[in-house]
C-alpha atoms as a PDB file:
ATOM      1  CA  MET A   1       1.580 259.648  38.987  1.00  0.00           C
ATOM      2  CA  ARG A   2      -1.719 256.737  39.922  1.00  0.00           C
ATOM      3  CA  SER A   3       0.858 253.942  38.873  1.00  0.00           C
ATOM      4  CA  VAL A   4       3.059 255.219  41.792  1.00  0.00           C
ATOM      5  CA  VAL A   5       0.612 255.632  43.821  1.00  0.00           C
ATOM      6  CA  VAL A   6      -0.629 251.733  43.067  1.00  0.00           C
ATOM      7  CA  VAL A   7       3.090 250.371  43.654  1.00  0.00           C
ATOM      8  CA  ALA A   8       2.941 252.138  46.811  1.00  0.00           C
ATOM      9  CA  THR A   9      -0.338 250.900  48.323  1.00  0.00           C
ATOM     10  CA  ALA A  10       0.700 247.327  46.586  1.00  0.00           C
ATOM     11  CA  GLY A  11       3.784 247.605  48.479  1.00  0.00           C
ATOM     12  CA  LEU A  12       2.549 248.898  51.504  1.00  0.00           C
ATOM     13  CA  LEU A  13      -0.231 245.577  51.348  1.00  0.00           C
ATOM     14  CA  LEU A  14       2.406 243.558  50.898  1.00  0.00           C
ATOM     15  CA  ALA A  15       4.891 244.561  53.982  1.00  0.00           C
ATOM     16  CA  ALA A  16       1.257 244.323  56.200  1.00  0.00           C
ATOM     17  CA  ALA A  17       0.981 240.899  54.628  1.00  0.00           C
ATOM     18  CA  LEU A  18       4.407 239.501  55.113  1.00  0.00           C
ATOM     19  CA  PRO A  19       4.627 237.816  59.400  1.00  0.00           C
ATOM     20  CA  ALA A  20       6.746 239.952  61.363  1.00  0.00           C
ATOM     21  CA  HIS A  21       9.761 238.113  62.834  1.00  0.00           C
ATOM     22  CA  ALA A  22       8.588 234.780  65.311  1.00  0.00           C
ATOM     23  CA  ALA A  23       8.629 235.877  68.814  1.00  0.00           C
ATOM     24  CA  GLY A  24      10.072 232.638  69.490  1.00  0.00           C
ATOM     25  CA  THR A  25      10.050 229.071  67.670  1.00  0.00           C
ATOM     26  CA  ALA A  26      10.972 225.467  68.480  1.00  0.00           C
ATOM     27  CA  TRP A  27      11.562 222.071  66.360  1.00  0.00           C
ATOM     28  CA  LEU A  28      11.937 218.849  68.088  1.00  0.00           C
ATOM     29  CA  HIS A  29      13.842 216.550  66.051  1.00  0.00           C
ATOM     30  CA  ASP A  30      12.121 213.320  66.102  1.00  0.00           C
ATOM     31  CA  ASP A  31      15.919 211.625  66.340  1.00  0.00           C
ATOM     32  CA  SER A  32      16.673 210.675  70.247  1.00  0.00           C
ATOM     33  CA  TYR A  33      20.557 208.809  71.204  1.00  0.00           C
ATOM     34  CA  VAL A  34      20.245 206.753  74.285  1.00  0.00           C
ATOM     35  CA  SER A  35      23.238 205.749  76.595  1.00  0.00           C
ATOM     36  CA  GLY A  36      23.559 204.673  80.007  1.00  0.00           C
ATOM     37  CA  GLY A  37      20.133 205.284  80.443  1.00  0.00           C
ATOM     38  CA  GLU A  38      20.011 208.953  79.604  1.00  0.00           C
ATOM     39  CA  ALA A  39      18.717 210.387  76.480  1.00  0.00           C
ATOM     40  CA  THR A  40      19.657 213.045  74.176  1.00  0.00           C
ATOM     41  CA  ALA A  41      17.526 215.197  72.686  1.00  0.00           C
ATOM     42  CA  TYR A  42      18.104 218.289  69.785  1.00  0.00           C
ATOM     43  CA  VAL A  43      15.869 220.618  69.413  1.00  0.00           C
ATOM     44  CA  ASP A  44      16.337 224.561  66.793  1.00  0.00           C
ATOM     45  CA  VAL A  45      14.808 227.198  69.063  1.00  0.00           C
ATOM     46  CA  ASP A  46      14.201 230.731  67.674  1.00  0.00           C
ATOM     47  CA  CYS A  47      13.888 233.571  70.488  1.00  0.00           C
ATOM     48  CA  PRO A  48      14.864 237.837  69.842  1.00  0.00           C
ATOM     49  CA  GLU A  49      18.372 238.482  69.268  1.00  0.00           C
ATOM     50  CA  GLY A  50      20.711 239.379  73.197  1.00  0.00           C
ATOM     51  CA  GLU A  51      16.781 238.162  74.734  1.00  0.00           C
ATOM     52  CA  ARG A  52      17.654 237.150  78.637  1.00  0.00           C
ATOM     53  CA  GLY A  53      15.549 234.650  80.236  1.00  0.00           C
ATOM     54  CA  TRP A  54      14.664 232.375  77.632  1.00  0.00           C
ATOM     55  CA  THR A  55      14.783 228.692  78.716  1.00  0.00           C
ATOM     56  CA  LEU A  56      13.601 225.437  77.246  1.00  0.00           C
ATOM     57  CA  LYS A  57      11.893 222.457  78.989  1.00  0.00           C
ATOM     58  CA  VAL A  58      11.838 219.034  76.749  1.00  0.00           C
ATOM     59  CA  ARG A  59       9.670 215.655  77.849  1.00  0.00           C
ATOM     60  CA  LEU A  60       9.923 212.362  75.952  1.00  0.00           C
ATOM     61  CA  THR A  61       8.630 208.999  76.552  1.00  0.00           C
ATOM     62  CA  SER A  62      10.177 206.245  75.154  1.00  0.00           C
ATOM     63  CA  VAL A  63       7.355 203.070  75.107  1.00  0.00           C
ATOM     64  CA  ARG A  64       8.109 199.462  73.735  1.00  0.00           C
ATOM     65  CA  PRO A  65       5.640 196.726  74.307  1.00  0.00           C
ATOM     66  CA  GLY A  66       5.886 194.646  77.183  1.00  0.00           C
ATOM     67  CA  ARG A  67       8.195 196.997  79.577  1.00  0.00           C
ATOM     68  CA  PRO A  68       7.232 200.236  81.469  1.00  0.00           C
ATOM     69  CA  SER A  69       7.496 203.381  79.510  1.00  0.00           C
ATOM     70  CA  ALA A  70      10.370 205.460  80.545  1.00  0.00           C
ATOM     71  CA  THR A  71       9.978 208.870  80.737  1.00  0.00           C
ATOM     72  CA  GLY A  72      12.065 212.165  81.797  1.00  0.00           C
ATOM     73  CA  SER A  73      12.253 215.602  81.371  1.00  0.00           C
ATOM     74  CA  ALA A  74      15.014 218.558  81.456  1.00  0.00           C
ATOM     75  CA  THR A  75      15.234 222.795  81.433  1.00  0.00           C
ATOM     76  CA  ALA A  76      18.060 224.705  79.819  1.00  0.00           C
ATOM     77  CA  PRO A  77      18.458 228.109  79.394  1.00  0.00           C
ATOM     78  CA  VAL A  78      18.408 229.084  75.807  1.00  0.00           C
ATOM     79  CA  THR A  79      21.216 231.602  74.175  1.00  0.00           C
ATOM     80  CA  CYS A  80      18.917 234.114  71.784  1.00  0.00           C
ATOM     81  CA  ARG A  81      21.031 234.573  68.795  1.00  0.00           C
ATOM     82  CA  GLY A  82      17.404 235.940  66.705  1.00  0.00           C
ATOM     83  CA  VAL A  83      17.734 232.629  63.979  1.00  0.00           C
ATOM     84  CA  PRO A  84      17.218 228.998  64.632  1.00  0.00           C
ATOM     85  CA  ASP A  85      20.177 227.563  66.514  1.00  0.00           C
ATOM     86  CA  GLN A  86      20.299 224.494  67.567  1.00  0.00           C
ATOM     87  CA  ASN A  87      20.200 223.324  71.440  1.00  0.00           C
ATOM     88  CA  VAL A  88      21.764 219.977  72.581  1.00  0.00           C
ATOM     89  CA  ILE A  89      19.416 218.583  75.644  1.00  0.00           C
ATOM     90  CA  ASP A  90      20.470 215.545  77.918  1.00  0.00           C
ATOM     91  CA  VAL A  91      17.384 213.871  79.680  1.00  0.00           C
ATOM     92  CA  ARG A  92      17.536 211.840  82.472  1.00  0.00           C
ATOM     93  CA  PRO A  93      15.214 209.387  83.472  1.00  0.00           C
ATOM     94  CA  ASP A  94      12.475 209.602  85.864  1.00  0.00           C
ATOM     95  CA  SER A  95      12.611 206.466  87.000  1.00  0.00           C
ATOM     96  CA  THR A  96      12.975 203.427  84.033  1.00  0.00           C
ATOM     97  CA  PRO A  97      15.932 203.978  82.065  1.00  0.00           C
ATOM     98  CA  PHE A  98      15.372 205.056  78.663  1.00  0.00           C
ATOM     99  CA  PHE A  99      15.616 202.133  76.108  1.00  0.00           C
ATOM    100  CA  GLY A 100      15.881 202.204  72.177  1.00  0.00           C
ATOM    101  CA  SER A 101      12.185 202.076  70.704  1.00  0.00           C
ATOM    102  CA  HIS A 102      10.841 202.949  67.068  1.00  0.00           C
ATOM    103  CA  ASP A 103       6.910 202.151  68.782  1.00  0.00           C
ATOM    104  CA  GLU A 104       4.533 204.628  67.537  1.00  0.00           C
ATOM    105  CA  ARG A 105       3.634 205.818  71.213  1.00  0.00           C
ATOM    106  CA  SER A 106       7.218 207.179  71.918  1.00  0.00           C
ATOM    107  CA  SER A 107       6.814 210.726  71.922  1.00  0.00           C
ATOM    108  CA  GLY A 108       8.521 214.020  72.667  1.00  0.00           C
ATOM    109  CA  VAL A 109       7.705 217.527  73.138  1.00  0.00           C
ATOM    110  CA  ALA A 110      10.028 220.769  73.741  1.00  0.00           C
ATOM    111  CA  ASP A 111       8.131 224.131  74.848  1.00  0.00           C
ATOM    112  CA  VAL A 112      10.340 227.561  74.308  1.00  0.00           C
ATOM    113  CA  ILE A 113       9.232 229.870  77.408  1.00  0.00           C
ATOM    114  CA  ARG A 114       9.935 233.109  77.594  1.00  0.00           C
ATOM    115  CA  PRO A 115      11.410 235.042  80.631  1.00  0.00           C
ATOM    116  CA  ASP A 116       7.562 235.796  81.370  1.00  0.00           C
ATOM    117  CA  GLY A 117       6.980 232.069  82.350  1.00  0.00           C
ATOM    118  CA  THR A 118       4.504 231.901  79.441  1.00  0.00           C
ATOM    119  CA  VAL A 119       5.435 229.272  76.509  1.00  0.00           C
ATOM    120  CA  ALA A 120       6.189 230.622  73.535  1.00  0.00           C
ATOM    121  CA  ALA A 121       6.078 228.136  71.460  1.00  0.00           C
ATOM    122  CA  SER A 122       6.309 224.386  71.332  1.00  0.00           C
ATOM    123  CA  SER A 123       6.695 221.032  69.188  1.00  0.00           C
ATOM    124  CA  THR A 124       5.537 217.560  69.359  1.00  0.00           C
ATOM    125  CA  ARG A 125       6.709 215.095  68.052  1.00  0.00           C
ATOM    126  CA  ARG A 126       6.800 211.369  67.632  1.00  0.00           C
ATOM    127  CA  MET A 127      10.097 210.142  68.533  1.00  0.00           C
ATOM    128  CA  HIS A 128      12.891 207.217  68.114  1.00  0.00           C
ATOM    129  CA  PHE A 129      15.313 206.486  70.279  1.00  0.00           C
ATOM    130  CA  TYR A 130      18.524 205.005  69.013  1.00  0.00           C
ATOM    131  CA  VAL A 131      20.701 202.835  71.443  1.00  0.00           C
ATOM    132  CA  TRP A 132      24.598 204.896  71.120  1.00  0.00           C
ATOM    133  CA  SER A 133      27.504 203.668  73.311  1.00  0.00           C
END
């Protein structure tokens, strides 16, 4: 009987220690492809299955010495499937067109936003921008 109590208690402690399903995660891929001055970002997003109203906001900056930086952002709705799902987001530049760059200052940020407007998850990466025709 004592071993049953010990095993049951250990099982409950283990279950309590395991994290629950994350309510919103984001993983920004560090590669972006540039065509016609626009950049494409790839972000893996996980949000609770069936929930509606979640959005993804991506901000990109391409840097190369001797020329103005290119920046831009885009926001898109997310379909919540309860598992990580890759989202492809086209980002238009604010002014200077995006260009190929591997400068260490090039960066990207992806935010997964709950229906109430709060940020559920954020991913910040050094970015590599590849020219794609």
